Amino acid sequence: MSRYWSPIVHALRPYVPGEQPAMGTVVKLNTNENPYGPSPRVIAALSAEIGDGLRLYPDPTATRLRDALAARYGLEREEIFVGNGSDEVLAHGFQALLRHDAPLLFPDITYSFYPTYCRLYGVDYREVPLDGEMRVRVADYRQPCGAIILPNPNAPTGIALARTEVEALVADHPDQVVVLDEAYVDFGGESAVPLVRSYPNLMVIQTLSKSRSLAGLRVGFAIGQRPLIEALERVKDSFNSYPLDRLALAGAVAAVEDEAWFEQNRDRIVASRDRLAAALLGLGFEVLPSAANFVFARHPGRPGATLAAELRNRGILVRHFARDRIADFLRITVGTDADNDRLIEALRTLLR
C-alpha cells in the first residue's frame, strides 16, 4: 500500500520514543518521566473541568495559561506561545524559523527529533561534534549557518551550558535565530529566559512534562520577542487553531501556579540524582555531570546494549542508543530512591 504515499514519506526515518510497557511491574527509568505525581491543585483543576463544558472548543489563544506563564517569568502574554507538548512547539519552530538557505546547526549527539524534523520539513542541517568530554563548545558554532538549535541541558548527555556561554552564542549570531530547548533546565541548568528581552534572535522552549509531572497532558511553550512568537502563531493557525484541550489548559495553569509543589519535587529529584550518580561511580561507571532528571553513564567492562538487555530481563528499563560515540552509554532516568536502589542492586549483581 506504500504506493499511495507522498514522496517525502519514503525518505522519513521517524523518531523512536522510549518503550511504554503494558505491564505495570517494571522499574521504568527509560523515558525521563517524573517519578512523582502532579500537584493536587492540578488534579482538582482537571476534576472541575470535567462536565458539560467539554462540548465546547477550548480557548484558541490559551489566554489564562499564557498569563500564568507571563506572571511567573515577568513577561508579557504576547511574548509566550503554547502548544501540544514542546515537540509540537519545536515542530512549528522548524517550519517558521529554522528553514533557511544556509544549514541549521545542532550537536552531533543530541535530541534525535531534530534530524527527524529536518527531514520532514526539508531543512538542511549540519551536525557540530561535541568535544571529547561530550560538551558543547560555543566556539565551534562560529561558522556560517541559517540558524542554531541547542538543548540546554543537552540530551542525552545531561550536560548544561552556563548562561554566559549561551549569551555569547546568541550574541555571535545576531542575524540568525538561536533556539534553546530547555526541556530539563529546571533540574539544575541556568535558563536563558532572562536574555530574551535583550536578544530579538533568541527563542526559549520549555515543557511541563518533566519538572511539573504533566507528560500525560502534553503542554509546552516558547518564550521570545513578539516577531518570533508571531511566526509560530501563524504556523499554528494554519495547522490547528485549538492545540491544547480544555483539560490540558486547566491542568497547566494549576501546575504553573503551584510553585511550592514544583520546588519540593524538583529538590527531591536533584537529591536522588546525586545519590544515584554516586552509587554508579562506586560500581565503576563513568558518569557525565548532569543538570537534568537523568544520568548518562557507561561501564568500561560491559557494552551498553548488553547491560540494557540484562536489566530489562530483570524488569528494569533504561534507554540505550545504538549510535557511534555513545553506544556504550545508558541514559537512566532518576526514579524514586526505591527504584534507583533496585537498579543499583541489579547492576551490582550483573557486574559481579
C-alpha atoms as a PDB file:
ATOM      1  CA  MET A   1       0.000   0.000   0.000  1.00  0.00           C
ATOM      2  CA  SER A   2       3.034   2.304   0.192  1.00  0.00           C
ATOM      3  CA  ARG A   3       2.433   3.181  -3.467  1.00  0.00           C
ATOM      4  CA  TYR A   4      -0.114   5.716  -2.182  1.00  0.00           C
ATOM      5  CA  TRP A   5       2.413   7.544  -0.036  1.00  0.00           C
ATOM      6  CA  SER A   6       3.641  11.033  -0.795  1.00  0.00           C
ATOM      7  CA  PRO A   7       7.298  11.002  -1.952  1.00  0.00           C
ATOM      8  CA  ILE A   8       8.573  12.507   1.312  1.00  0.00           C
ATOM      9  CA  VAL A   9       7.209   9.606   3.384  1.00  0.00           C
ATOM     10  CA  HIS A  10       9.574   7.119   1.759  1.00  0.00           C
ATOM     11  CA  ALA A  11      12.600   9.109   2.941  1.00  0.00           C
ATOM     12  CA  LEU A  12      11.472   9.621   6.544  1.00  0.00           C
ATOM     13  CA  ARG A  13      13.146   7.871   9.464  1.00  0.00           C
ATOM     14  CA  PRO A  14      10.704   8.582  12.294  1.00  0.00           C
ATOM     15  CA  TYR A  15      11.744   9.351  15.834  1.00  0.00           C
ATOM     16  CA  VAL A  16      11.612   6.272  18.068  1.00  0.00           C
ATOM     17  CA  PRO A  17      10.210   7.050  21.537  1.00  0.00           C
ATOM     18  CA  GLY A  18      11.163   5.147  24.660  1.00  0.00           C
ATOM     19  CA  GLU A  19       9.301   1.942  25.392  1.00  0.00           C
ATOM     20  CA  GLN A  20       5.985   2.287  27.228  1.00  0.00           C
ATOM     21  CA  PRO A  21       5.396  -1.209  28.614  1.00  0.00           C
ATOM     22  CA  ALA A  22       1.892  -2.566  29.152  1.00  0.00           C
ATOM     23  CA  MET A  23       2.973  -4.421  32.278  1.00  0.00           C
ATOM     24  CA  GLY A  24       2.951  -2.365  35.439  1.00  0.00           C
ATOM     25  CA  THR A  25       5.588  -4.206  37.452  1.00  0.00           C
ATOM     26  CA  VAL A  26       8.711  -2.832  35.758  1.00  0.00           C
ATOM     27  CA  VAL A  27      11.025  -0.161  37.095  1.00  0.00           C
ATOM     28  CA  LYS A  28      10.645   2.391  34.325  1.00  0.00           C
ATOM     29  CA  LEU A  29      13.780   4.530  34.034  1.00  0.00           C
ATOM     30  CA  ASN A  30      13.829   4.978  30.259  1.00  0.00           C
ATOM     31  CA  THR A  31      11.669   7.976  29.298  1.00  0.00           C
ATOM     32  CA  ASN A  32      12.635  10.782  31.708  1.00  0.00           C
ATOM     33  CA  GLU A  33       9.205  10.951  33.288  1.00  0.00           C
ATOM     34  CA  ASN A  34       8.852  12.473  36.737  1.00  0.00           C
ATOM     35  CA  PRO A  35       8.636   9.742  39.401  1.00  0.00           C
ATOM     36  CA  TYR A  36       6.204  11.860  41.439  1.00  0.00           C
ATOM     37  CA  GLY A  37       2.686  12.888  40.520  1.00  0.00           C
ATOM     38  CA  PRO A  38       1.477  16.398  39.704  1.00  0.00           C
ATOM     39  CA  SER A  39       0.296  18.959  42.203  1.00  0.00           C
ATOM     40  CA  PRO A  40      -3.019  18.184  43.959  1.00  0.00           C
ATOM     41  CA  ARG A  41      -4.177  21.512  42.554  1.00  0.00           C
ATOM     42  CA  VAL A  42      -3.770  20.035  39.080  1.00  0.00           C
ATOM     43  CA  ILE A  43      -5.999  17.077  39.950  1.00  0.00           C
ATOM     44  CA  ALA A  44      -8.609  19.438  41.399  1.00  0.00           C
ATOM     45  CA  ALA A  45      -8.499  21.655  38.310  1.00  0.00           C
ATOM     46  CA  LEU A  46      -8.948  18.662  35.995  1.00  0.00           C
ATOM     47  CA  SER A  47     -11.895  17.393  38.036  1.00  0.00           C
ATOM     48  CA  ALA A  48     -13.557  20.803  37.965  1.00  0.00           C
ATOM     49  CA  GLU A  49     -13.172  20.987  34.183  1.00  0.00           C
ATOM     50  CA  ILE A  50     -14.943  17.687  33.511  1.00  0.00           C
ATOM     51  CA  GLY A  51     -18.552  18.461  32.676  1.00  0.00           C
ATOM     52  CA  ASP A  52     -20.832  19.885  30.013  1.00  0.00           C
ATOM     53  CA  GLY A  53     -18.155  22.381  29.050  1.00  0.00           C
ATOM     54  CA  LEU A  54     -16.282  19.659  27.182  1.00  0.00           C
ATOM     55  CA  ARG A  55     -18.762  20.075  24.329  1.00  0.00           C
ATOM     56  CA  LEU A  56     -17.196  23.485  23.676  1.00  0.00           C
ATOM     57  CA  TYR A  57     -13.902  24.164  21.941  1.00  0.00           C
ATOM     58  CA  PRO A  58     -11.035  25.305  24.186  1.00  0.00           C
ATOM     59  CA  ASP A  59      -9.671  28.842  24.150  1.00  0.00           C
ATOM     60  CA  PRO A  60      -7.611  29.002  20.926  1.00  0.00           C
ATOM     61  CA  THR A  61      -5.352  31.694  22.402  1.00  0.00           C
ATOM     62  CA  ALA A  62      -4.770  29.901  25.763  1.00  0.00           C
ATOM     63  CA  THR A  63      -5.057  33.280  27.488  1.00  0.00           C
ATOM     64  CA  ARG A  64      -5.147  32.054  31.109  1.00  0.00           C
ATOM     65  CA  LEU A  65      -2.129  29.811  30.632  1.00  0.00           C
ATOM     66  CA  ARG A  66      -0.106  32.457  28.834  1.00  0.00           C
ATOM     67  CA  ASP A  67      -0.990  34.935  31.591  1.00  0.00           C
ATOM     68  CA  ALA A  68       0.131  32.456  34.256  1.00  0.00           C
ATOM     69  CA  LEU A  69       3.435  31.868  32.464  1.00  0.00           C
ATOM     70  CA  ALA A  70       3.897  35.610  31.878  1.00  0.00           C
ATOM     71  CA  ALA A  71       3.410  36.292  35.592  1.00  0.00           C
ATOM     72  CA  ARG A  72       5.941  33.608  36.549  1.00  0.00           C
ATOM     73  CA  TYR A  73       8.641  34.842  34.157  1.00  0.00           C
ATOM     74  CA  GLY A  74       7.969  38.580  34.319  1.00  0.00           C
ATOM     75  CA  LEU A  75       6.952  38.796  30.667  1.00  0.00           C
ATOM     76  CA  GLU A  76       4.026  39.925  28.540  1.00  0.00           C
ATOM     77  CA  ARG A  77       1.400  37.488  27.291  1.00  0.00           C
ATOM     78  CA  GLU A  78       2.357  38.352  23.709  1.00  0.00           C
ATOM     79  CA  GLU A  79       5.870  37.004  24.312  1.00  0.00           C
ATOM     80  CA  ILE A  80       4.604  33.474  25.017  1.00  0.00           C
ATOM     81  CA  PHE A  81       3.389  30.718  22.698  1.00  0.00           C
ATOM     82  CA  VAL A  82       1.892  27.443  23.935  1.00  0.00           C
ATOM     83  CA  GLY A  83       1.499  24.139  22.138  1.00  0.00           C
ATOM     84  CA  ASN A  84       0.640  20.488  22.465  1.00  0.00           C
ATOM     85  CA  GLY A  85       3.881  19.499  24.153  1.00  0.00           C
ATOM     86  CA  SER A  86       7.262  21.066  23.458  1.00  0.00           C
ATOM     87  CA  ASP A  87       7.704  18.706  20.494  1.00  0.00           C
ATOM     88  CA  GLU A  88       4.840  20.443  18.690  1.00  0.00           C
ATOM     89  CA  VAL A  89       6.281  23.833  19.620  1.00  0.00           C
ATOM     90  CA  LEU A  90       9.622  22.687  18.206  1.00  0.00           C
ATOM     91  CA  ALA A  91       7.919  21.461  15.031  1.00  0.00           C
ATOM     92  CA  HIS A  92       6.345  24.872  14.492  1.00  0.00           C
ATOM     93  CA  GLY A  93       9.740  26.448  15.115  1.00  0.00           C
ATOM     94  CA  PHE A  94      11.355  24.293  12.432  1.00  0.00           C
ATOM     95  CA  GLN A  95       8.699  25.407   9.957  1.00  0.00           C
ATOM     96  CA  ALA A  96       8.529  29.056  10.971  1.00  0.00           C
ATOM     97  CA  LEU A  97      12.081  29.984  11.942  1.00  0.00           C
ATOM     98  CA  LEU A  98      14.722  27.348  11.213  1.00  0.00           C
ATOM     99  CA  ARG A  99      14.452  26.693   7.486  1.00  0.00           C
ATOM    100  CA  HIS A 100      16.909  28.893   5.575  1.00  0.00           C
ATOM    101  CA  ASP A 101      19.302  28.696   2.645  1.00  0.00           C
ATOM    102  CA  ALA A 102      22.247  28.037   4.953  1.00  0.00           C
ATOM    103  CA  PRO A 103      22.217  24.921   7.176  1.00  0.00           C
ATOM    104  CA  LEU A 104      20.779  24.636  10.652  1.00  0.00           C
ATOM    105  CA  LEU A 105      23.410  23.768  13.283  1.00  0.00           C
ATOM    106  CA  PHE A 106      22.957  21.403  16.227  1.00  0.00           C
ATOM    107  CA  PRO A 107      25.184  18.910  18.112  1.00  0.00           C
ATOM    108  CA  ASP A 108      26.014  15.501  16.695  1.00  0.00           C
ATOM    109  CA  ILE A 109      24.893  13.909  19.975  1.00  0.00           C
ATOM    110  CA  THR A 110      21.563  15.465  20.867  1.00  0.00           C
ATOM    111  CA  TYR A 111      17.784  15.073  20.811  1.00  0.00           C
ATOM    112  CA  SER A 112      17.105  12.771  17.881  1.00  0.00           C
ATOM    113  CA  PHE A 113      13.895  14.558  16.914  1.00  0.00           C
ATOM    114  CA  TYR A 114      15.982  17.378  15.385  1.00  0.00           C
ATOM    115  CA  PRO A 115      17.181  15.457  12.302  1.00  0.00           C
ATOM    116  CA  THR A 116      13.707  13.901  12.035  1.00  0.00           C
ATOM    117  CA  TYR A 117      12.103  17.331  11.802  1.00  0.00           C
ATOM    118  CA  CYS A 118      14.769  18.455   9.349  1.00  0.00           C
ATOM    119  CA  ARG A 119      13.888  15.601   7.009  1.00  0.00           C
ATOM    120  CA  LEU A 120      10.163  16.191   7.419  1.00  0.00           C
ATOM    121  CA  TYR A 121      10.302  19.938   6.753  1.00  0.00           C
ATOM    122  CA  GLY A 122      13.149  19.993   4.240  1.00  0.00           C
ATOM    123  CA  VAL A 123      15.638  21.789   6.493  1.00  0.00           C
ATOM    124  CA  ASP A 124      19.292  21.489   5.532  1.00  0.00           C
ATOM    125  CA  TYR A 125      21.413  20.832   8.625  1.00  0.00           C
ATOM    126  CA  ARG A 126      24.965  20.312   9.824  1.00  0.00           C
ATOM    127  CA  GLU A 127      25.906  18.438  12.994  1.00  0.00           C
ATOM    128  CA  VAL A 128      28.579  20.034  15.169  1.00  0.00           C
ATOM    129  CA  PRO A 129      30.577  17.420  17.121  1.00  0.00           C
ATOM    130  CA  LEU A 130      30.641  17.543  20.895  1.00  0.00           C
ATOM    131  CA  ASP A 131      34.144  17.663  22.325  1.00  0.00           C
ATOM    132  CA  GLY A 132      35.930  14.684  23.879  1.00  0.00           C
ATOM    133  CA  GLU A 133      34.139  15.264  27.200  1.00  0.00           C
ATOM    134  CA  MET A 134      30.735  15.274  25.458  1.00  0.00           C
ATOM    135  CA  ARG A 135      30.352  19.032  25.890  1.00  0.00           C
ATOM    136  CA  VAL A 136      29.063  21.718  23.532  1.00  0.00           C
ATOM    137  CA  ARG A 137      31.802  24.204  22.624  1.00  0.00           C
ATOM    138  CA  VAL A 138      30.292  27.558  21.728  1.00  0.00           C
ATOM    139  CA  ALA A 139      33.352  28.445  19.641  1.00  0.00           C
ATOM    140  CA  ASP A 140      32.568  25.544  17.277  1.00  0.00           C
ATOM    141  CA  TYR A 141      29.347  27.297  16.264  1.00  0.00           C
ATOM    142  CA  ARG A 142      31.184  30.340  14.942  1.00  0.00           C
ATOM    143  CA  GLN A 143      30.590  29.324  11.347  1.00  0.00           C
ATOM    144  CA  PRO A 144      28.149  30.269   8.579  1.00  0.00           C
ATOM    145  CA  CYS A 145      24.650  28.954   9.248  1.00  0.00           C
ATOM    146  CA  GLY A 146      20.968  29.697   8.813  1.00  0.00           C
ATOM    147  CA  ALA A 147      20.011  29.113  12.468  1.00  0.00           C
ATOM    148  CA  ILE A 148      21.036  27.162  15.577  1.00  0.00           C
ATOM    149  CA  ILE A 149      19.152  24.873  17.936  1.00  0.00           C
ATOM    150  CA  LEU A 150      20.624  23.542  21.175  1.00  0.00           C
ATOM    151  CA  PRO A 151      19.140  21.617  24.081  1.00  0.00           C
ATOM    152  CA  ASN A 152      20.350  23.036  27.359  1.00  0.00           C
ATOM    153  CA  PRO A 153      20.944  20.823  29.282  1.00  0.00           C
ATOM    154  CA  ASN A 154      21.811  18.646  26.322  1.00  0.00           C
ATOM    155  CA  ALA A 155      20.058  15.333  25.824  1.00  0.00           C
ATOM    156  CA  PRO A 156      21.020  12.573  26.240  1.00  0.00           C
ATOM    157  CA  THR A 157      24.231  13.735  27.952  1.00  0.00           C
ATOM    158  CA  GLY A 158      22.609  15.961  30.611  1.00  0.00           C
ATOM    159  CA  ILE A 159      25.477  18.468  30.454  1.00  0.00           C
ATOM    160  CA  ALA A 160      24.478  22.141  30.599  1.00  0.00           C
ATOM    161  CA  LEU A 161      25.968  25.357  29.284  1.00  0.00           C
ATOM    162  CA  ALA A 162      26.222  28.345  31.616  1.00  0.00           C
ATOM    163  CA  ARG A 163      24.027  31.311  30.743  1.00  0.00           C
ATOM    164  CA  THR A 164      27.121  33.364  29.933  1.00  0.00           C
ATOM    165  CA  GLU A 165      28.065  30.798  27.270  1.00  0.00           C
ATOM    166  CA  VAL A 166      24.540  30.862  25.845  1.00  0.00           C
ATOM    167  CA  GLU A 167      24.652  34.652  25.694  1.00  0.00           C
ATOM    168  CA  ALA A 168      27.965  34.543  23.841  1.00  0.00           C
ATOM    169  CA  LEU A 169      26.453  32.139  21.306  1.00  0.00           C
ATOM    170  CA  VAL A 170      23.387  34.330  20.757  1.00  0.00           C
ATOM    171  CA  ALA A 171      25.496  37.489  20.507  1.00  0.00           C
ATOM    172  CA  ASP A 172      27.753  35.806  17.947  1.00  0.00           C
ATOM    173  CA  HIS A 173      24.780  35.272  15.600  1.00  0.00           C
ATOM    174  CA  PRO A 174      22.684  38.472  15.542  1.00  0.00           C
ATOM    175  CA  ASP A 175      21.306  37.626  12.092  1.00  0.00           C
ATOM    176  CA  GLN A 176      20.315  34.033  12.896  1.00  0.00           C
ATOM    177  CA  VAL A 177      17.635  32.615  15.172  1.00  0.00           C
ATOM    178  CA  VAL A 178      19.006  30.659  18.139  1.00  0.00           C
ATOM    179  CA  VAL A 179      16.540  28.251  19.752  1.00  0.00           C
ATOM    180  CA  LEU A 180      17.295  26.942  23.255  1.00  0.00           C
ATOM    181  CA  ASP A 181      15.418  23.737  24.051  1.00  0.00           C
ATOM    182  CA  GLU A 182      15.202  23.810  27.844  1.00  0.00           C
ATOM    183  CA  ALA A 183      13.166  20.671  28.496  1.00  0.00           C
ATOM    184  CA  TYR A 184      15.361  19.782  31.506  1.00  0.00           C
ATOM    185  CA  VAL A 185      16.533  23.188  32.686  1.00  0.00           C
ATOM    186  CA  ASP A 186      14.564  23.120  35.956  1.00  0.00           C
ATOM    187  CA  PHE A 187      16.774  20.353  37.367  1.00  0.00           C
ATOM    188  CA  GLY A 188      19.960  22.389  37.561  1.00  0.00           C
ATOM    189  CA  GLY A 189      20.532  24.450  34.415  1.00  0.00           C
ATOM    190  CA  GLU A 190      20.527  28.224  34.011  1.00  0.00           C
ATOM    191  CA  SER A 191      17.578  29.279  31.885  1.00  0.00           C
ATOM    192  CA  ALA A 192      18.163  31.698  29.023  1.00  0.00           C
ATOM    193  CA  VAL A 193      14.744  33.328  29.548  1.00  0.00           C
ATOM    194  CA  PRO A 194      16.330  36.440  31.199  1.00  0.00           C
ATOM    195  CA  LEU A 195      18.222  37.048  27.923  1.00  0.00           C
ATOM    196  CA  VAL A 196      15.110  37.216  25.745  1.00  0.00           C
ATOM    197  CA  ARG A 197      14.471  40.915  26.340  1.00  0.00           C
ATOM    198  CA  SER A 198      17.981  41.787  25.124  1.00  0.00           C
ATOM    199  CA  TYR A 199      18.178  39.498  22.082  1.00  0.00           C
ATOM    200  CA  PRO A 200      15.484  39.533  19.378  1.00  0.00           C
ATOM    201  CA  ASN A 201      17.016  36.411  17.782  1.00  0.00           C
ATOM    202  CA  LEU A 202      16.609  34.187  20.881  1.00  0.00           C
ATOM    203  CA  MET A 203      13.737  31.782  21.475  1.00  0.00           C
ATOM    204  CA  VAL A 204      13.497  29.541  24.552  1.00  0.00           C
ATOM    205  CA  ILE A 205      11.289  26.438  24.581  1.00  0.00           C
ATOM    206  CA  GLN A 206      10.249  24.615  27.742  1.00  0.00           C
ATOM    207  CA  THR A 207       7.819  21.870  28.748  1.00  0.00           C
ATOM    208  CA  LEU A 208       5.607  20.993  31.699  1.00  0.00           C
ATOM    209  CA  SER A 209       6.172  17.270  31.094  1.00  0.00           C
ATOM    210  CA  LYS A 210       9.284  16.846  33.227  1.00  0.00           C
ATOM    211  CA  SER A 211       9.526  19.140  36.227  1.00  0.00           C
ATOM    212  CA  ARG A 212       5.746  19.656  36.522  1.00  0.00           C
ATOM    213  CA  SER A 213       4.847  15.952  36.123  1.00  0.00           C
ATOM    214  CA  LEU A 214       2.483  16.584  33.203  1.00  0.00           C
ATOM    215  CA  ALA A 215       3.873  14.298  30.481  1.00  0.00           C
ATOM    216  CA  GLY A 216       0.372  12.861  30.087  1.00  0.00           C
ATOM    217  CA  LEU A 217      -1.233  16.236  29.349  1.00  0.00           C
ATOM    218  CA  ARG A 218       1.185  17.431  26.618  1.00  0.00           C
ATOM    219  CA  VAL A 219       1.885  21.117  27.306  1.00  0.00           C
ATOM    220  CA  GLY A 220       4.902  23.055  26.060  1.00  0.00           C
ATOM    221  CA  PHE A 221       5.648  26.713  25.493  1.00  0.00           C
ATOM    222  CA  ALA A 222       8.030  29.125  23.803  1.00  0.00           C
ATOM    223  CA  ILE A 223       9.303  32.499  25.017  1.00  0.00           C
ATOM    224  CA  GLY A 224      10.667  35.149  22.683  1.00  0.00           C
ATOM    225  CA  GLN A 225      10.198  38.646  21.407  1.00  0.00           C
ATOM    226  CA  ARG A 226       6.949  39.313  19.589  1.00  0.00           C
ATOM    227  CA  PRO A 227       8.131  38.755  15.961  1.00  0.00           C
ATOM    228  CA  LEU A 228       9.335  35.232  16.754  1.00  0.00           C
ATOM    229  CA  ILE A 229       6.149  34.380  18.645  1.00  0.00           C
ATOM    230  CA  GLU A 230       4.016  35.747  15.822  1.00  0.00           C
ATOM    231  CA  ALA A 231       5.799  33.436  13.383  1.00  0.00           C
ATOM    232  CA  LEU A 232       4.815  30.420  15.499  1.00  0.00           C
ATOM    233  CA  GLU A 233       1.239  31.661  15.761  1.00  0.00           C
ATOM    234  CA  ARG A 234       0.969  31.994  12.002  1.00  0.00           C
ATOM    235  CA  VAL A 235       2.066  28.371  11.553  1.00  0.00           C
ATOM    236  CA  LYS A 236      -0.242  27.131  14.323  1.00  0.00           C
ATOM    237  CA  ASP A 237      -3.279  28.908  12.936  1.00  0.00           C
ATOM    238  CA  SER A 238      -2.552  27.452   9.505  1.00  0.00           C
ATOM    239  CA  PHE A 239      -2.405  23.959  11.002  1.00  0.00           C
ATOM    240  CA  ASN A 240      -4.523  23.620  14.174  1.00  0.00           C
ATOM    241  CA  SER A 241      -6.135  26.568  15.933  1.00  0.00           C
ATOM    242  CA  TYR A 242      -7.010  24.511  19.033  1.00  0.00           C
ATOM    243  CA  PRO A 243      -3.847  22.604  20.004  1.00  0.00           C
ATOM    244  CA  LEU A 244      -4.492  22.439  23.769  1.00  0.00           C
ATOM    245  CA  ASP A 245      -7.726  20.927  25.029  1.00  0.00           C
ATOM    246  CA  ARG A 246      -9.706  22.251  27.991  1.00  0.00           C
ATOM    247  CA  LEU A 247      -8.238  19.723  30.432  1.00  0.00           C
ATOM    248  CA  ALA A 248      -4.648  20.464  29.413  1.00  0.00           C
ATOM    249  CA  LEU A 249      -5.210  24.200  29.770  1.00  0.00           C
ATOM    250  CA  ALA A 250      -6.784  23.879  33.222  1.00  0.00           C
ATOM    251  CA  GLY A 251      -4.137  21.463  34.492  1.00  0.00           C
ATOM    252  CA  ALA A 252      -1.265  23.511  33.126  1.00  0.00           C
ATOM    253  CA  VAL A 253      -2.456  26.726  34.783  1.00  0.00           C
ATOM    254  CA  ALA A 254      -2.737  24.943  38.131  1.00  0.00           C
ATOM    255  CA  ALA A 255       0.735  23.412  37.738  1.00  0.00           C
ATOM    256  CA  VAL A 256       2.375  26.725  36.894  1.00  0.00           C
ATOM    257  CA  GLU A 257       0.716  28.459  39.834  1.00  0.00           C
ATOM    258  CA  ASP A 258       1.753  25.842  42.425  1.00  0.00           C
ATOM    259  CA  GLU A 259       5.385  26.836  42.779  1.00  0.00           C
ATOM    260  CA  ALA A 260       5.811  25.155  46.162  1.00  0.00           C
ATOM    261  CA  TRP A 261       4.886  21.705  44.804  1.00  0.00           C
ATOM    262  CA  PHE A 262       7.244  22.170  41.869  1.00  0.00           C
ATOM    263  CA  GLU A 263      10.161  23.158  44.107  1.00  0.00           C
ATOM    264  CA  GLN A 264       9.570  20.293  46.526  1.00  0.00           C
ATOM    265  CA  ASN A 265       9.572  17.616  43.817  1.00  0.00           C
ATOM    266  CA  ARG A 266      12.471  19.180  41.923  1.00  0.00           C
ATOM    267  CA  ASP A 267      14.616  19.192  45.051  1.00  0.00           C
ATOM    268  CA  ARG A 268      13.774  15.538  45.730  1.00  0.00           C
ATOM    269  CA  ILE A 269      14.786  14.554  42.205  1.00  0.00           C
ATOM    270  CA  VAL A 270      18.037  16.517  42.303  1.00  0.00           C
ATOM    271  CA  ALA A 271      18.987  14.861  45.608  1.00  0.00           C
ATOM    272  CA  SER A 272      18.125  11.430  44.190  1.00  0.00           C
ATOM    273  CA  ARG A 273      20.134  12.150  41.045  1.00  0.00           C
ATOM    274  CA  ASP A 274      23.236  12.985  43.033  1.00  0.00           C
ATOM    275  CA  ARG A 275      22.779   9.851  45.139  1.00  0.00           C
ATOM    276  CA  LEU A 276      22.298   7.700  42.022  1.00  0.00           C
ATOM    277  CA  ALA A 277      25.370   9.162  40.324  1.00  0.00           C
ATOM    278  CA  ALA A 278      27.493   8.469  43.398  1.00  0.00           C
ATOM    279  CA  ALA A 279      26.273   4.860  43.513  1.00  0.00           C
ATOM    280  CA  LEU A 280      27.085   4.346  39.827  1.00  0.00           C
ATOM    281  CA  LEU A 281      30.560   5.793  40.325  1.00  0.00           C
ATOM    282  CA  GLY A 282      31.010   3.341  43.170  1.00  0.00           C
ATOM    283  CA  LEU A 283      30.289   0.497  40.737  1.00  0.00           C
ATOM    284  CA  GLY A 284      32.997   1.718  38.359  1.00  0.00           C
ATOM    285  CA  PHE A 285      30.797   3.632  35.908  1.00  0.00           C
ATOM    286  CA  GLU A 286      31.844   6.805  34.160  1.00  0.00           C
ATOM    287  CA  VAL A 287      29.012   9.277  34.851  1.00  0.00           C
ATOM    288  CA  LEU A 288      28.722  12.562  32.959  1.00  0.00           C
ATOM    289  CA  PRO A 289      27.874  15.638  35.083  1.00  0.00           C
ATOM    290  CA  SER A 290      24.094  16.008  34.780  1.00  0.00           C
ATOM    291  CA  ALA A 291      21.872  19.051  35.222  1.00  0.00           C
ATOM    292  CA  ALA A 292      18.809  17.060  34.127  1.00  0.00           C
ATOM    293  CA  ASN A 293      16.499  14.440  35.659  1.00  0.00           C
ATOM    294  CA  PHE A 294      18.614  11.632  34.217  1.00  0.00           C
ATOM    295  CA  VAL A 295      22.224  10.496  34.187  1.00  0.00           C
ATOM    296  CA  PHE A 296      24.306   9.316  31.246  1.00  0.00           C
ATOM    297  CA  ALA A 297      26.768   6.596  32.222  1.00  0.00           C
ATOM    298  CA  ARG A 298      28.883   3.772  30.865  1.00  0.00           C
ATOM    299  CA  HIS A 299      30.875   0.938  32.376  1.00  0.00           C
ATOM    300  CA  PRO A 300      34.364   0.210  30.982  1.00  0.00           C
ATOM    301  CA  GLY A 301      33.853  -3.532  31.223  1.00  0.00           C
ATOM    302  CA  ARG A 302      30.366  -4.069  29.790  1.00  0.00           C
ATOM    303  CA  PRO A 303      28.769  -2.974  26.483  1.00  0.00           C
ATOM    304  CA  GLY A 304      25.805  -0.673  26.926  1.00  0.00           C
ATOM    305  CA  ALA A 305      23.468  -2.810  24.817  1.00  0.00           C
ATOM    306  CA  THR A 306      24.297  -5.883  26.911  1.00  0.00           C
ATOM    307  CA  LEU A 307      23.655  -4.089  30.184  1.00  0.00           C
ATOM    308  CA  ALA A 308      20.363  -2.626  28.916  1.00  0.00           C
ATOM    309  CA  ALA A 309      19.154  -6.072  27.809  1.00  0.00           C
ATOM    310  CA  GLU A 310      20.200  -7.732  31.060  1.00  0.00           C
ATOM    311  CA  LEU A 311      18.446  -5.055  33.094  1.00  0.00           C
ATOM    312  CA  ARG A 312      15.311  -5.454  31.018  1.00  0.00           C
ATOM    313  CA  ASN A 313      15.326  -9.173  31.769  1.00  0.00           C
ATOM    314  CA  ARG A 314      15.197  -8.169  35.428  1.00  0.00           C
ATOM    315  CA  GLY A 315      12.251  -5.816  34.908  1.00  0.00           C
ATOM    316  CA  ILE A 316      14.269  -2.573  34.802  1.00  0.00           C
ATOM    317  CA  LEU A 317      14.056  -0.339  31.720  1.00  0.00           C
ATOM    318  CA  VAL A 318      16.799   2.149  30.832  1.00  0.00           C
ATOM    319  CA  ARG A 319      17.479   3.852  27.488  1.00  0.00           C
ATOM    320  CA  HIS A 320      20.231   2.707  25.150  1.00  0.00           C
ATOM    321  CA  PHE A 321      21.167   4.454  21.882  1.00  0.00           C
ATOM    322  CA  ALA A 322      22.908   2.362  19.224  1.00  0.00           C
ATOM    323  CA  ARG A 323      24.918   5.282  17.852  1.00  0.00           C
ATOM    324  CA  ASP A 324      28.582   5.971  17.330  1.00  0.00           C
ATOM    325  CA  ARG A 325      30.330   7.580  20.300  1.00  0.00           C
ATOM    326  CA  ILE A 326      27.544   6.720  22.774  1.00  0.00           C
ATOM    327  CA  ALA A 327      26.817   3.045  22.089  1.00  0.00           C
ATOM    328  CA  ASP A 328      28.179   2.016  25.499  1.00  0.00           C
ATOM    329  CA  PHE A 329      26.260   4.647  27.452  1.00  0.00           C
ATOM    330  CA  LEU A 330      22.963   4.170  29.244  1.00  0.00           C
ATOM    331  CA  ARG A 331      20.588   7.055  29.850  1.00  0.00           C
ATOM    332  CA  ILE A 332      18.996   6.406  33.206  1.00  0.00           C
ATOM    333  CA  THR A 333      16.012   8.424  34.384  1.00  0.00           C
ATOM    334  CA  VAL A 334      16.101   9.417  38.036  1.00  0.00           C
ATOM    335  CA  GLY A 335      13.346   7.439  39.746  1.00  0.00           C
ATOM    336  CA  THR A 336      12.302   7.231  43.351  1.00  0.00           C
ATOM    337  CA  ASP A 337      15.055   6.245  45.733  1.00  0.00           C
ATOM    338  CA  ALA A 338      13.484   2.778  45.908  1.00  0.00           C
ATOM    339  CA  ASP A 339      13.583   2.442  42.106  1.00  0.00           C
ATOM    340  CA  ASN A 340      17.152   3.690  41.974  1.00  0.00           C
ATOM    341  CA  ASP A 341      18.196   1.251  44.688  1.00  0.00           C
ATOM    342  CA  ARG A 342      16.669  -1.629  42.749  1.00  0.00           C
ATOM    343  CA  LEU A 343      18.652  -0.557  39.690  1.00  0.00           C
ATOM    344  CA  ILE A 344      21.915  -0.325  41.626  1.00  0.00           C
ATOM    345  CA  GLU A 345      21.404  -3.726  43.228  1.00  0.00           C
ATOM    346  CA  ALA A 346      20.705  -5.289  39.817  1.00  0.00           C
ATOM    347  CA  LEU A 347      23.834  -3.694  38.359  1.00  0.00           C
ATOM    348  CA  ARG A 348      25.891  -4.844  41.302  1.00  0.00           C
ATOM    349  CA  THR A 349      24.736  -8.402  40.658  1.00  0.00           C
ATOM    350  CA  LEU A 350      25.346  -8.181  36.911  1.00  0.00           C
ATOM    351  CA  LEU A 351      28.818  -6.701  37.280  1.00  0.00           C
ATOM    352  CA  ARG A 352      29.804  -9.255  39.869  1.00  0.00           C
END
